[in-house]
Amino acid sequence: SNNNLNDDLQPQTFETLPATLEYLDLSGNPWTCSPSLSWLYPWSLGLSHSLRDQLDQVHCNVINSHQVSPLLQVMQYYTTKVNPFCPHKCSCYFYHFADRVEMVPTFTVLVNCSRQGLTTFPTLPPHTTMLDLSHNNLDHHSYSSLDLAQQHYGEVSGLLLSHNQLPAIHTKLTKMRLQRVFKADHNLLTEIPYDFSLLLQSYANDQITLGHNQWRCDCNAEITNRNLLAKVSDVEEVTCSEGSNP
């Protein structure tokens, strides 16, 4: 205990422990609830009940949160509920994890696929609420294979699409509940659908960025809607393209 062990711990550190070990105290270390420690769960299955009970007392800090959760239980859920479904090249973390006495824990997942050269929308682990697809190669073809239900986009409340080549906001996105974040700056967008504009306006505290696009402005264009622009954090970067009639 209290040895400053963290999520850099490697499996081989414990592989040399004797099979007759009866006491293992890992408490008091700055454990982060990181998927890099997922190996702890399958490793623990070979331990005695006594050692398992000791490990059950160790807690970790949920990333970017004030939450503290049982380390072994978190690693069990990474191993069985998240890691097998995490998209190739992406990183998947618990965004929220709450253990409940004698009940199944509740959790949500953050998926980071930024800067991975993606050309399609990836299939997500269940209960994903935050998705970062910024700095990729998404374009108008990318929408064709997107199936919100089959690919587990139903709970996504934050979507980052900044720095792609998207020329439009597809009507599929109108079916999402983006009450936390929608970032689509630095794309090729020319217009924003009326229904999607209303969706963004309906949320009180969502973060919206739409700057550095090719907006076509006229009196009826949603991008000139003052109610929408009042919610856009980079509104000074929202400019009209050549040939607009603002």
C-alpha atoms as a PDB file:
ATOM      1  CA  SER A   1       0.000   0.000   0.000  1.00  0.00           C
ATOM      2  CA  ASN A   2       0.936   3.676  -0.404  1.00  0.00           C
ATOM      3  CA  ASN A   3       3.645   2.917  -2.982  1.00  0.00           C
ATOM      4  CA  ASN A   4       2.475   5.380  -5.642  1.00  0.00           C
ATOM      5  CA  LEU A   5       1.374   2.576  -7.949  1.00  0.00           C
ATOM      6  CA  ASN A   6      -0.772   3.794 -10.859  1.00  0.00           C
ATOM      7  CA  ASP A   7      -2.257   2.747 -14.193  1.00  0.00           C
ATOM      8  CA  ASP A   8       1.245   2.180 -15.634  1.00  0.00           C
ATOM      9  CA  LEU A   9       1.422  -1.047 -13.629  1.00  0.00           C
ATOM     10  CA  GLN A  10       2.302  -3.999 -15.888  1.00  0.00           C
ATOM     11  CA  PRO A  11       0.919  -7.565 -15.593  1.00  0.00           C
ATOM     12  CA  GLN A  12       4.358  -9.114 -15.184  1.00  0.00           C
ATOM     13  CA  THR A  13       4.690  -7.276 -11.877  1.00  0.00           C
ATOM     14  CA  PHE A  14       2.141  -9.643 -10.363  1.00  0.00           C
ATOM     15  CA  GLU A  15       2.843 -12.765 -12.417  1.00  0.00           C
ATOM     16  CA  THR A  16       5.832 -13.561 -10.210  1.00  0.00           C
ATOM     17  CA  LEU A  17       3.859 -13.463  -6.972  1.00  0.00           C
ATOM     18  CA  PRO A  18       3.835 -16.845  -5.164  1.00  0.00           C
ATOM     19  CA  ALA A  19       0.684 -18.945  -5.406  1.00  0.00           C
ATOM     20  CA  THR A  20       0.683 -19.247  -1.619  1.00  0.00           C
ATOM     21  CA  LEU A  21       0.328 -15.473  -1.154  1.00  0.00           C
ATOM     22  CA  GLU A  22      -2.252 -14.701   1.534  1.00  0.00           C
ATOM     23  CA  TYR A  23      -2.038 -10.912   1.887  1.00  0.00           C
ATOM     24  CA  LEU A  24      -1.907  -8.193  -0.782  1.00  0.00           C
ATOM     25  CA  ASP A  25      -2.617  -4.588   0.138  1.00  0.00           C
ATOM     26  CA  LEU A  26      -2.931  -2.248  -2.869  1.00  0.00           C
ATOM     27  CA  SER A  27      -4.771   0.521  -1.045  1.00  0.00           C
ATOM     28  CA  GLY A  28      -3.477   4.068  -0.697  1.00  0.00           C
ATOM     29  CA  ASN A  29      -2.183   4.247  -4.285  1.00  0.00           C
ATOM     30  CA  PRO A  30      -3.329   6.843  -6.851  1.00  0.00           C
ATOM     31  CA  TRP A  31      -5.213   4.343  -9.016  1.00  0.00           C
ATOM     32  CA  THR A  32      -6.970   5.753 -12.060  1.00  0.00           C
ATOM     33  CA  CYS A  33      -9.910   3.805 -13.491  1.00  0.00           C
ATOM     34  CA  SER A  34      -8.003   3.275 -16.721  1.00  0.00           C
ATOM     35  CA  PRO A  35      -8.626   0.483 -19.249  1.00  0.00           C
ATOM     36  CA  SER A  36      -4.877  -0.189 -19.200  1.00  0.00           C
ATOM     37  CA  LEU A  37      -5.494  -1.968 -15.882  1.00  0.00           C
ATOM     38  CA  SER A  38      -8.161  -4.263 -17.333  1.00  0.00           C
ATOM     39  CA  TRP A  39      -5.792  -7.221 -16.992  1.00  0.00           C
ATOM     40  CA  LEU A  40      -6.312  -7.055 -13.228  1.00  0.00           C
ATOM     41  CA  TYR A  41      -9.751  -8.640 -13.558  1.00  0.00           C
ATOM     42  CA  PRO A  42      -8.819 -11.873 -15.399  1.00  0.00           C
ATOM     43  CA  TRP A  43      -5.694 -12.100 -13.225  1.00  0.00           C
ATOM     44  CA  SER A  44      -7.805 -11.842 -10.072  1.00  0.00           C
ATOM     45  CA  LEU A  45      -9.985 -14.806 -11.087  1.00  0.00           C
ATOM     46  CA  GLY A  46      -7.141 -17.146 -10.139  1.00  0.00           C
ATOM     47  CA  LEU A  47      -6.744 -15.721  -6.639  1.00  0.00           C
ATOM     48  CA  SER A  48      -8.070 -17.094  -3.391  1.00  0.00           C
ATOM     49  CA  HIS A  49     -11.314 -15.744  -1.955  1.00  0.00           C
ATOM     50  CA  SER A  50      -9.284 -14.020   0.746  1.00  0.00           C
ATOM     51  CA  LEU A  51      -7.153 -12.088  -1.751  1.00  0.00           C
ATOM     52  CA  ARG A  52     -10.206 -11.248  -3.868  1.00  0.00           C
ATOM     53  CA  ASP A  53     -11.888  -9.815  -0.772  1.00  0.00           C
ATOM     54  CA  GLN A  54      -8.816  -7.684  -0.106  1.00  0.00           C
ATOM     55  CA  LEU A  55      -8.744  -6.382  -3.683  1.00  0.00           C
ATOM     56  CA  ASP A  56     -12.438  -5.573  -3.487  1.00  0.00           C
ATOM     57  CA  GLN A  57     -11.526  -2.876  -0.967  1.00  0.00           C
ATOM     58  CA  VAL A  58      -9.250  -1.019  -3.425  1.00  0.00           C
ATOM     59  CA  HIS A  59     -10.774   1.959  -5.251  1.00  0.00           C
ATOM     60  CA  CYS A  60      -9.828   4.004  -8.304  1.00  0.00           C
ATOM     61  CA  ASN A  61     -10.604   7.515  -9.516  1.00  0.00           C
ATOM     62  CA  VAL A  62     -12.848   7.779 -12.566  1.00  0.00           C
ATOM     63  CA  ILE A  63     -11.034   9.779 -15.279  1.00  0.00           C
ATOM     64  CA  ASN A  64     -12.027  13.480 -15.410  1.00  0.00           C
ATOM     65  CA  SER A  65     -14.424  12.974 -12.521  1.00  0.00           C
ATOM     66  CA  HIS A  66     -14.660  13.223  -8.751  1.00  0.00           C
ATOM     67  CA  GLN A  67     -16.117   9.710  -8.635  1.00  0.00           C
ATOM     68  CA  VAL A  68     -14.346   6.914  -6.791  1.00  0.00           C
ATOM     69  CA  SER A  69     -15.269   3.319  -7.640  1.00  0.00           C
ATOM     70  CA  PRO A  70     -14.113  -0.226  -6.745  1.00  0.00           C
ATOM     71  CA  LEU A  71     -11.040  -0.945  -8.869  1.00  0.00           C
ATOM     72  CA  LEU A  72     -11.695  -4.624  -9.516  1.00  0.00           C
ATOM     73  CA  GLN A  73     -15.350  -4.067 -10.399  1.00  0.00           C
ATOM     74  CA  VAL A  74     -14.438  -1.283 -12.847  1.00  0.00           C
ATOM     75  CA  MET A  75     -11.870  -3.555 -14.523  1.00  0.00           C
ATOM     76  CA  GLN A  76     -14.474  -6.323 -14.770  1.00  0.00           C
ATOM     77  CA  TYR A  77     -16.791  -3.973 -16.644  1.00  0.00           C
ATOM     78  CA  TYR A  78     -13.986  -2.723 -18.903  1.00  0.00           C
ATOM     79  CA  THR A  79     -13.129  -6.343 -19.720  1.00  0.00           C
ATOM     80  CA  THR A  80     -16.681  -7.501 -20.408  1.00  0.00           C
ATOM     81  CA  LYS A  81     -18.692  -4.402 -21.430  1.00  0.00           C
ATOM     82  CA  VAL A  82     -16.326  -1.878 -23.032  1.00  0.00           C
ATOM     83  CA  ASN A  83     -13.016  -3.198 -24.374  1.00  0.00           C
ATOM     84  CA  PRO A  84     -14.546  -5.852 -26.689  1.00  0.00           C
ATOM     85  CA  PHE A  85     -16.673  -3.152 -28.354  1.00  0.00           C
ATOM     86  CA  CYS A  86     -14.180  -0.280 -28.488  1.00  0.00           C
ATOM     87  CA  PRO A  87     -13.579   0.746 -32.131  1.00  0.00           C
ATOM     88  CA  HIS A  88     -10.215  -0.079 -33.671  1.00  0.00           C
ATOM     89  CA  LYS A  89      -7.688   2.754 -33.202  1.00  0.00           C
ATOM     90  CA  CYS A  90      -9.934   4.477 -30.618  1.00  0.00           C
ATOM     91  CA  SER A  91      -9.721   4.819 -26.845  1.00  0.00           C
ATOM     92  CA  CYS A  92     -12.705   4.052 -24.611  1.00  0.00           C
ATOM     93  CA  TYR A  93     -13.018   5.220 -21.023  1.00  0.00           C
ATOM     94  CA  PHE A  94     -15.728   5.288 -18.417  1.00  0.00           C
ATOM     95  CA  TYR A  95     -17.179   8.780 -18.391  1.00  0.00           C
ATOM     96  CA  HIS A  96     -19.334   7.874 -15.404  1.00  0.00           C
ATOM     97  CA  PHE A  97     -19.286   4.778 -13.188  1.00  0.00           C
ATOM     98  CA  ALA A  98     -21.444   4.404 -10.104  1.00  0.00           C
ATOM     99  CA  ASP A  99     -21.425   1.230  -8.051  1.00  0.00           C
ATOM    100  CA  ARG A 100     -24.594   0.541  -6.108  1.00  0.00           C
ATOM    101  CA  VAL A 101     -24.984  -1.744  -3.099  1.00  0.00           C
ATOM    102  CA  GLU A 102     -26.323  -5.137  -4.231  1.00  0.00           C
ATOM    103  CA  MET A 103     -27.262  -3.665  -7.605  1.00  0.00           C
ATOM    104  CA  VAL A 104     -25.733  -3.590 -11.083  1.00  0.00           C
ATOM    105  CA  PRO A 105     -23.475  -0.513 -11.523  1.00  0.00           C
ATOM    106  CA  THR A 106     -24.501   2.258 -13.872  1.00  0.00           C
ATOM    107  CA  PHE A 107     -21.968   3.593 -16.343  1.00  0.00           C
ATOM    108  CA  THR A 108     -21.472   5.698 -19.443  1.00  0.00           C
ATOM    109  CA  VAL A 109     -18.573   5.638 -21.886  1.00  0.00           C
ATOM    110  CA  LEU A 110     -16.393   8.256 -23.594  1.00  0.00           C
ATOM    111  CA  VAL A 111     -14.964   7.211 -26.973  1.00  0.00           C
ATOM    112  CA  ASN A 112     -12.015   9.145 -28.404  1.00  0.00           C
ATOM    113  CA  CYS A 113     -11.297   8.481 -32.095  1.00  0.00           C
ATOM    114  CA  SER A 114      -9.602  11.806 -32.821  1.00  0.00           C
ATOM    115  CA  ARG A 115      -6.837  11.893 -35.462  1.00  0.00           C
ATOM    116  CA  GLN A 116      -7.229   8.269 -36.571  1.00  0.00           C
ATOM    117  CA  GLY A 117      -7.889   8.790 -40.279  1.00  0.00           C
ATOM    118  CA  LEU A 118     -11.476   7.537 -40.029  1.00  0.00           C
ATOM    119  CA  THR A 119     -13.700   7.739 -43.102  1.00  0.00           C
ATOM    120  CA  THR A 120     -16.812   6.177 -41.510  1.00  0.00           C
ATOM    121  CA  PHE A 121     -18.707   6.558 -38.271  1.00  0.00           C
ATOM    122  CA  PRO A 122     -17.551   3.759 -35.932  1.00  0.00           C
ATOM    123  CA  THR A 123     -19.752   1.338 -34.029  1.00  0.00           C
ATOM    124  CA  LEU A 124     -19.644   2.230 -30.327  1.00  0.00           C
ATOM    125  CA  PRO A 125     -19.781   0.367 -27.037  1.00  0.00           C
ATOM    126  CA  PRO A 126     -23.259   0.405 -25.461  1.00  0.00           C
ATOM    127  CA  HIS A 127     -23.924   3.419 -23.209  1.00  0.00           C
ATOM    128  CA  THR A 128     -21.520   5.726 -25.042  1.00  0.00           C
ATOM    129  CA  THR A 129     -22.446   9.335 -24.253  1.00  0.00           C
ATOM    130  CA  MET A 130     -19.397  11.272 -25.489  1.00  0.00           C
ATOM    131  CA  LEU A 131     -17.799  10.734 -28.900  1.00  0.00           C
ATOM    132  CA  ASP A 132     -14.792  12.580 -30.322  1.00  0.00           C
ATOM    133  CA  LEU A 133     -14.410  12.161 -34.087  1.00  0.00           C
ATOM    134  CA  SER A 134     -12.453  15.372 -34.647  1.00  0.00           C
ATOM    135  CA  HIS A 135      -9.503  15.620 -37.055  1.00  0.00           C
ATOM    136  CA  ASN A 136     -10.547  12.711 -39.268  1.00  0.00           C
ATOM    137  CA  ASN A 137     -11.550  12.245 -42.925  1.00  0.00           C
ATOM    138  CA  LEU A 138     -15.328  12.075 -42.618  1.00  0.00           C
ATOM    139  CA  ASP A 139     -17.207  13.350 -45.688  1.00  0.00           C
ATOM    140  CA  HIS A 140     -20.673  13.051 -47.256  1.00  0.00           C
ATOM    141  CA  HIS A 141     -20.117   9.343 -47.979  1.00  0.00           C
ATOM    142  CA  SER A 142     -19.583   8.690 -44.285  1.00  0.00           C
ATOM    143  CA  TYR A 143     -23.245   9.174 -43.441  1.00  0.00           C
ATOM    144  CA  SER A 144     -24.458   6.378 -45.746  1.00  0.00           C
ATOM    145  CA  SER A 145     -23.420   3.518 -43.455  1.00  0.00           C
ATOM    146  CA  LEU A 146     -24.371   5.247 -40.186  1.00  0.00           C
ATOM    147  CA  ASP A 147     -27.111   3.361 -38.326  1.00  0.00           C
ATOM    148  CA  LEU A 148     -27.822   5.137 -35.036  1.00  0.00           C
ATOM    149  CA  ALA A 149     -29.568   2.191 -33.380  1.00  0.00           C
ATOM    150  CA  GLN A 150     -27.304  -0.628 -34.571  1.00  0.00           C
ATOM    151  CA  GLN A 151     -24.137   1.356 -33.843  1.00  0.00           C
ATOM    152  CA  HIS A 152     -25.218   2.496 -30.358  1.00  0.00           C
ATOM    153  CA  TYR A 153     -25.524   6.239 -30.983  1.00  0.00           C
ATOM    154  CA  GLY A 154     -28.819   6.469 -29.100  1.00  0.00           C
ATOM    155  CA  GLU A 155     -27.284   7.740 -25.850  1.00  0.00           C
ATOM    156  CA  VAL A 156     -24.633  10.018 -27.354  1.00  0.00           C
ATOM    157  CA  SER A 157     -25.112  13.510 -25.898  1.00  0.00           C
ATOM    158  CA  GLY A 158     -21.788  14.993 -26.975  1.00  0.00           C
ATOM    159  CA  LEU A 159     -20.484  14.744 -30.554  1.00  0.00           C
ATOM    160  CA  LEU A 160     -17.249  16.323 -31.788  1.00  0.00           C
ATOM    161  CA  LEU A 161     -16.928  16.497 -35.586  1.00  0.00           C
ATOM    162  CA  SER A 162     -14.454  19.375 -35.831  1.00  0.00           C
ATOM    163  CA  HIS A 163     -11.795  19.319 -38.579  1.00  0.00           C
ATOM    164  CA  ASN A 164     -13.383  16.903 -41.042  1.00  0.00           C
ATOM    165  CA  GLN A 165     -14.665  17.330 -44.626  1.00  0.00           C
ATOM    166  CA  LEU A 166     -18.400  17.167 -43.959  1.00  0.00           C
ATOM    167  CA  PRO A 167     -20.403  19.262 -46.463  1.00  0.00           C
ATOM    168  CA  ALA A 168     -23.725  18.859 -44.671  1.00  0.00           C
ATOM    169  CA  ILE A 169     -25.451  17.913 -41.428  1.00  0.00           C
ATOM    170  CA  HIS A 170     -27.406  14.776 -42.255  1.00  0.00           C
ATOM    171  CA  THR A 171     -30.979  14.359 -41.036  1.00  0.00           C
ATOM    172  CA  LYS A 172     -29.789  11.291 -39.111  1.00  0.00           C
ATOM    173  CA  LEU A 173     -28.115  13.623 -36.618  1.00  0.00           C
ATOM    174  CA  THR A 174     -31.469  15.289 -35.938  1.00  0.00           C
ATOM    175  CA  LYS A 175     -32.519  12.070 -34.192  1.00  0.00           C
ATOM    176  CA  MET A 176     -29.702  12.371 -31.651  1.00  0.00           C
ATOM    177  CA  ARG A 177     -29.977  14.062 -28.247  1.00  0.00           C
ATOM    178  CA  LEU A 178     -26.950  16.344 -28.290  1.00  0.00           C
ATOM    179  CA  GLN A 179     -27.693  18.231 -25.100  1.00  0.00           C
ATOM    180  CA  ARG A 180     -24.042  18.450 -23.997  1.00  0.00           C
ATOM    181  CA  VAL A 181     -21.785  19.166 -26.958  1.00  0.00           C
ATOM    182  CA  PHE A 182     -21.980  19.559 -30.728  1.00  0.00           C
ATOM    183  CA  LYS A 183     -18.823  20.750 -32.444  1.00  0.00           C
ATOM    184  CA  ALA A 184     -18.673  20.937 -36.239  1.00  0.00           C
ATOM    185  CA  ASP A 185     -16.221  23.772 -36.806  1.00  0.00           C
ATOM    186  CA  HIS A 186     -13.610  23.511 -39.583  1.00  0.00           C
ATOM    187  CA  ASN A 187     -15.717  21.507 -42.045  1.00  0.00           C
ATOM    188  CA  LEU A 188     -17.323  22.309 -45.421  1.00  0.00           C
ATOM    189  CA  LEU A 189     -20.830  23.003 -44.112  1.00  0.00           C
ATOM    190  CA  THR A 190     -22.963  25.375 -46.178  1.00  0.00           C
ATOM    191  CA  GLU A 191     -26.301  25.184 -44.332  1.00  0.00           C
ATOM    192  CA  ILE A 192     -27.858  23.870 -41.155  1.00  0.00           C
ATOM    193  CA  PRO A 193     -31.221  22.065 -41.310  1.00  0.00           C
ATOM    194  CA  TYR A 194     -34.126  23.851 -39.621  1.00  0.00           C
ATOM    195  CA  ASP A 195     -34.992  20.863 -37.421  1.00  0.00           C
ATOM    196  CA  PHE A 196     -31.385  20.460 -36.313  1.00  0.00           C
ATOM    197  CA  SER A 197     -31.155  24.171 -35.508  1.00  0.00           C
ATOM    198  CA  LEU A 198     -34.250  23.856 -33.320  1.00  0.00           C
ATOM    199  CA  LEU A 199     -32.717  20.819 -31.632  1.00  0.00           C
ATOM    200  CA  LEU A 200     -29.571  22.721 -30.684  1.00  0.00           C
ATOM    201  CA  GLN A 201     -31.593  25.691 -29.481  1.00  0.00           C
ATOM    202  CA  SER A 202     -33.749  23.480 -27.263  1.00  0.00           C
ATOM    203  CA  TYR A 203     -30.908  22.545 -24.908  1.00  0.00           C
ATOM    204  CA  ALA A 204     -29.997  24.969 -22.154  1.00  0.00           C
ATOM    205  CA  ASN A 205     -26.307  24.258 -21.602  1.00  0.00           C
ATOM    206  CA  ASP A 206     -24.961  22.623 -24.727  1.00  0.00           C
ATOM    207  CA  GLN A 207     -21.607  23.698 -26.176  1.00  0.00           C
ATOM    208  CA  ILE A 208     -21.778  24.479 -29.898  1.00  0.00           C
ATOM    209  CA  THR A 209     -19.036  25.419 -32.380  1.00  0.00           C
ATOM    210  CA  LEU A 210     -19.782  26.081 -36.070  1.00  0.00           C
ATOM    211  CA  GLY A 211     -16.985  28.389 -37.170  1.00  0.00           C
ATOM    212  CA  HIS A 212     -14.680  28.039 -40.194  1.00  0.00           C
ATOM    213  CA  ASN A 213     -17.254  26.561 -42.563  1.00  0.00           C
ATOM    214  CA  GLN A 214     -18.615  27.692 -45.956  1.00  0.00           C
ATOM    215  CA  TRP A 215     -21.978  28.997 -44.796  1.00  0.00           C
ATOM    216  CA  ARG A 216     -24.371  30.295 -47.454  1.00  0.00           C
ATOM    217  CA  CYS A 217     -26.171  33.174 -45.808  1.00  0.00           C
ATOM    218  CA  ASP A 218     -29.501  34.744 -46.704  1.00  0.00           C
ATOM    219  CA  CYS A 219     -32.479  36.078 -44.782  1.00  0.00           C
ATOM    220  CA  ASN A 220     -34.025  32.613 -44.411  1.00  0.00           C
ATOM    221  CA  ALA A 221     -30.868  30.651 -43.679  1.00  0.00           C
ATOM    222  CA  GLU A 222     -30.759  29.054 -40.246  1.00  0.00           C
ATOM    223  CA  ILE A 223     -27.121  30.053 -39.828  1.00  0.00           C
ATOM    224  CA  THR A 224     -28.333  33.660 -39.554  1.00  0.00           C
ATOM    225  CA  ASN A 225     -30.879  32.761 -36.841  1.00  0.00           C
ATOM    226  CA  ARG A 226     -30.057  34.962 -33.850  1.00  0.00           C
ATOM    227  CA  ASN A 227     -31.371  32.411 -31.351  1.00  0.00           C
ATOM    228  CA  LEU A 228     -28.996  29.816 -32.737  1.00  0.00           C
ATOM    229  CA  LEU A 229     -26.036  32.181 -32.976  1.00  0.00           C
ATOM    230  CA  ALA A 230     -26.579  33.223 -29.363  1.00  0.00           C
ATOM    231  CA  LYS A 231     -25.670  29.668 -28.346  1.00  0.00           C
ATOM    232  CA  VAL A 232     -22.605  29.292 -30.580  1.00  0.00           C
ATOM    233  CA  SER A 233     -19.382  29.729 -28.613  1.00  0.00           C
ATOM    234  CA  ASP A 234     -17.228  30.556 -31.655  1.00  0.00           C
ATOM    235  CA  VAL A 235     -19.808  32.877 -33.235  1.00  0.00           C
ATOM    236  CA  GLU A 236     -17.113  35.346 -34.349  1.00  0.00           C
ATOM    237  CA  GLU A 237     -15.678  32.593 -36.554  1.00  0.00           C
ATOM    238  CA  VAL A 238     -19.049  31.930 -38.228  1.00  0.00           C
ATOM    239  CA  THR A 239     -18.741  33.828 -41.519  1.00  0.00           C
ATOM    240  CA  CYS A 240     -20.670  33.867 -44.782  1.00  0.00           C
ATOM    241  CA  SER A 241     -19.124  32.438 -47.941  1.00  0.00           C
ATOM    242  CA  GLU A 242     -18.763  34.335 -51.178  1.00  0.00           C
ATOM    243  CA  GLY A 243     -22.034  34.747 -53.052  1.00  0.00           C
ATOM    244  CA  SER A 244     -24.132  34.938 -49.880  1.00  0.00           C
ATOM    245  CA  ASN A 245     -26.943  37.467 -49.487  1.00  0.00           C
ATOM    246  CA  PRO A 246     -27.006  38.244 -45.753  1.00  0.00           C
END
